[in-house]
C-alpha atoms as a PDB file:
ATOM      1  CA  MET A   1      83.228 100.061 139.069  1.00  0.00           C
ATOM      2  CA  GLY A   2      80.445  97.496 139.577  1.00  0.00           C
ATOM      3  CA  ALA A   3      80.843  93.792 138.946  1.00  0.00           C
ATOM      4  CA  ASN A   4      78.825  93.980 135.725  1.00  0.00           C
ATOM      5  CA  ARG A   5      80.545  97.051 134.340  1.00  0.00           C
ATOM      6  CA  ARG A   6      83.386  96.812 131.898  1.00  0.00           C
ATOM      7  CA  PRO A   7      85.999  99.504 131.380  1.00  0.00           C
ATOM      8  CA  ASN A   8      85.563 101.644 128.299  1.00  0.00           C
ATOM      9  CA  ALA A   9      87.464 100.227 125.366  1.00  0.00           C
ATOM     10  CA  THR A  10      87.889 101.346 121.816  1.00  0.00           C
ATOM     11  CA  VAL A  11      87.396  98.591 119.290  1.00  0.00           C
ATOM     12  CA  ALA A  12      88.639  99.462 115.837  1.00  0.00           C
ATOM     13  CA  SER A  13      86.972  97.858 112.886  1.00  0.00           C
ATOM     14  CA  ARG A  14      88.942  96.430 110.002  1.00  0.00           C
ATOM     15  CA  GLN A  15      87.759  99.364 107.889  1.00  0.00           C
ATOM     16  CA  SER A  16      88.775 102.039 110.417  1.00  0.00           C
ATOM     17  CA  VAL A  17      92.255 100.528 110.728  1.00  0.00           C
ATOM     18  CA  GLY A  18      92.571 100.494 106.943  1.00  0.00           C
ATOM     19  CA  ASP A  19      91.397 104.101 106.744  1.00  0.00           C
ATOM     20  CA  ALA A  20      93.891 105.177 109.403  1.00  0.00           C
ATOM     21  CA  LEU A  21      96.761 103.455 107.600  1.00  0.00           C
ATOM     22  CA  ASN A  22      95.478 104.426 104.149  1.00  0.00           C
ATOM     23  CA  VAL A  23      95.509 100.786 103.008  1.00  0.00           C
ATOM     24  CA  ASP A  24      92.969  98.141 102.139  1.00  0.00           C
ATOM     25  CA  VAL A  25      92.766  95.604 104.934  1.00  0.00           C
ATOM     26  CA  PRO A  26      91.674  92.236 103.559  1.00  0.00           C
ATOM     27  CA  MET A  27      89.095  90.091 105.279  1.00  0.00           C
ATOM     28  CA  LEU A  28      91.245  86.994 104.882  1.00  0.00           C
ATOM     29  CA  SER A  29      95.024  86.589 104.797  1.00  0.00           C
ATOM     30  CA  ILE A  30      96.804  83.369 103.952  1.00  0.00           C
ATOM     31  CA  VAL A  31     100.413  83.282 105.151  1.00  0.00           C
ATOM     32  CA  VAL A  32     102.625  80.873 103.213  1.00  0.00           C
ATOM     33  CA  PRO A  33     106.228  80.189 104.213  1.00  0.00           C
ATOM     34  CA  VAL A  34     108.355  79.390 101.160  1.00  0.00           C
ATOM     35  CA  LYS A  35     111.948  78.488 100.396  1.00  0.00           C
ATOM     36  CA  ASN A  36     113.101  77.549  96.895  1.00  0.00           C
ATOM     37  CA  GLU A  37     109.543  77.188  95.599  1.00  0.00           C
ATOM     38  CA  GLU A  38     109.801  79.074  92.301  1.00  0.00           C
ATOM     39  CA  ARG A  39     107.803  76.395  90.476  1.00  0.00           C
ATOM     40  CA  GLY A  40     105.209  76.127  93.219  1.00  0.00           C
ATOM     41  CA  VAL A  41     104.180  79.777  93.585  1.00  0.00           C
ATOM     42  CA  ALA A  42     101.985  80.141  90.468  1.00  0.00           C
ATOM     43  CA  PRO A  43     100.215  76.767  90.838  1.00  0.00           C
ATOM     44  CA  PHE A  44      99.502  77.559  94.504  1.00  0.00           C
ATOM     45  CA  ILE A  45      97.967  80.923  93.597  1.00  0.00           C
ATOM     46  CA  ASP A  46      95.984  79.383  90.730  1.00  0.00           C
ATOM     47  CA  ARG A  47      94.565  76.765  93.063  1.00  0.00           C
ATOM     48  CA  VAL A  48      93.978  78.822  96.214  1.00  0.00           C
ATOM     49  CA  GLY A  49      92.956  82.172  94.664  1.00  0.00           C
ATOM     50  CA  PRO A  50      89.527  81.017  93.453  1.00  0.00           C
ATOM     51  CA  ILE A  51      88.843  79.389  96.823  1.00  0.00           C
ATOM     52  CA  LEU A  52      89.716  82.624  98.639  1.00  0.00           C
ATOM     53  CA  GLU A  53      87.466  84.537  96.258  1.00  0.00           C
ATOM     54  CA  LYS A  54      84.513  82.380  97.317  1.00  0.00           C
ATOM     55  CA  VAL A  55      85.345  82.252 101.031  1.00  0.00           C
ATOM     56  CA  ALA A  56      86.004  85.994 101.403  1.00  0.00           C
ATOM     57  CA  ASN A  57      82.680  86.699  99.695  1.00  0.00           C
ATOM     58  CA  GLY A  58      83.759  90.025  98.245  1.00  0.00           C
ATOM     59  CA  GLU A  59      85.402  91.231 101.460  1.00  0.00           C
ATOM     60  CA  GLY A  60      88.956  90.996 100.140  1.00  0.00           C
ATOM     61  CA  TRP A  61      91.796  88.572 100.618  1.00  0.00           C
ATOM     62  CA  GLU A  62      95.569  88.348 100.272  1.00  0.00           C
ATOM     63  CA  ILE A  63      98.233  85.700  99.971  1.00  0.00           C
ATOM     64  CA  LEU A  64     101.347  86.686 101.885  1.00  0.00           C
ATOM     65  CA  PHE A  65     104.425  84.649 101.028  1.00  0.00           C
ATOM     66  CA  ILE A  66     107.224  84.663 103.600  1.00  0.00           C
ATOM     67  CA  ASP A  67     110.406  83.885 101.654  1.00  0.00           C
ATOM     68  CA  ASP A  68     112.922  82.259 103.962  1.00  0.00           C
ATOM     69  CA  GLY A  69     116.085  83.034 101.986  1.00  0.00           C
ATOM     70  CA  SER A  70     115.363  81.245  98.725  1.00  0.00           C
ATOM     71  CA  SER A  71     118.363  80.784  96.441  1.00  0.00           C
ATOM     72  CA  ASP A  72     116.231  80.171  93.354  1.00  0.00           C
ATOM     73  CA  ALA A  73     113.723  82.448  91.597  1.00  0.00           C
ATOM     74  CA  THR A  74     111.002  82.202  94.234  1.00  0.00           C
ATOM     75  CA  LEU A  75     110.961  85.942  94.900  1.00  0.00           C
ATOM     76  CA  PRO A  76     110.813  86.888  91.185  1.00  0.00           C
ATOM     77  CA  ALA A  77     107.904  84.427  90.826  1.00  0.00           C
ATOM     78  CA  ILE A  78     106.061  86.171  93.673  1.00  0.00           C
ATOM     79  CA  VAL A  79     106.844  89.604  92.203  1.00  0.00           C
ATOM     80  CA  ALA A  80     105.524  88.478  88.810  1.00  0.00           C
ATOM     81  CA  ALA A  81     102.341  87.224  90.467  1.00  0.00           C
ATOM     82  CA  HIS A  82     101.998  90.527  92.340  1.00  0.00           C
ATOM     83  CA  SER A  83     102.276  92.437  89.057  1.00  0.00           C
ATOM     84  CA  ARG A  84      99.193  90.531  87.878  1.00  0.00           C
ATOM     85  CA  ASP A  85      97.322  90.689  91.200  1.00  0.00           C
ATOM     86  CA  SER A  86      98.248  93.142  93.962  1.00  0.00           C
ATOM     87  CA  ARG A  87      96.687  90.829  96.564  1.00  0.00           C
ATOM     88  CA  ILE A  88      99.773  88.634  96.220  1.00  0.00           C
ATOM     89  CA  ARG A  89     102.485  89.945  98.540  1.00  0.00           C
ATOM     90  CA  ALA A  90     105.876  88.941  99.886  1.00  0.00           C
ATOM     91  CA  ILE A  91     108.014  89.431 102.947  1.00  0.00           C
ATOM     92  CA  VAL A  92     111.644  88.450 102.600  1.00  0.00           C
ATOM     93  CA  ASP A  93     113.543  87.066 105.570  1.00  0.00           C
ATOM     94  CA  ALA A  94     116.835  88.947 105.654  1.00  0.00           C
ATOM     95  CA  GLY A  95     118.585  86.208 107.594  1.00  0.00           C
ATOM     96  CA  SER A  96     119.084  85.255 111.183  1.00  0.00           C
ATOM     97  CA  ASP A  97     119.545  88.816 112.489  1.00  0.00           C
ATOM     98  CA  PRO A  98     116.227  89.696 114.191  1.00  0.00           C
ATOM     99  CA  ALA A  99     116.777  93.355 113.325  1.00  0.00           C
ATOM    100  CA  ASN A 100     116.826  92.546 109.608  1.00  0.00           C
ATOM    101  CA  GLY A 101     114.122  89.955 109.048  1.00  0.00           C
ATOM    102  CA  CYS A 102     110.576  89.177 109.975  1.00  0.00           C
ATOM    103  CA  CYS A 103     111.252  85.534 110.733  1.00  0.00           C
ATOM    104  CA  PRO A 104     114.688  85.085 112.290  1.00  0.00           C
ATOM    105  CA  ASP A 105     116.315  81.682 112.188  1.00  0.00           C
ATOM    106  CA  THR A 106     116.268  80.426 115.775  1.00  0.00           C
ATOM    107  CA  SER A 107     117.314  76.866 115.000  1.00  0.00           C
ATOM    108  CA  SER A 108     120.900  77.312 116.148  1.00  0.00           C
END
């Protein structure tokens, strides 16, 4: 292979990945860690949603809340928001066991 030649590579577009997985892949994802933020979820969405709408310029967006073991009604607040707008999503940390959660607690 010459110095100016690059190996063949397959580059998947956002659309082709979405088609392969049978899901809509948003142009912009905002990841928000939360813990005991039940009163903050709706105001955050109300404030950030319109900004994302402008920035994504019709290409799609999502807000992905990562709930780090809230003991209040944070998750029900996210679920309620999702019922109004499917672009609002949640991942729940199942604790410090890496096999159970997306964001294991490594502080100890």
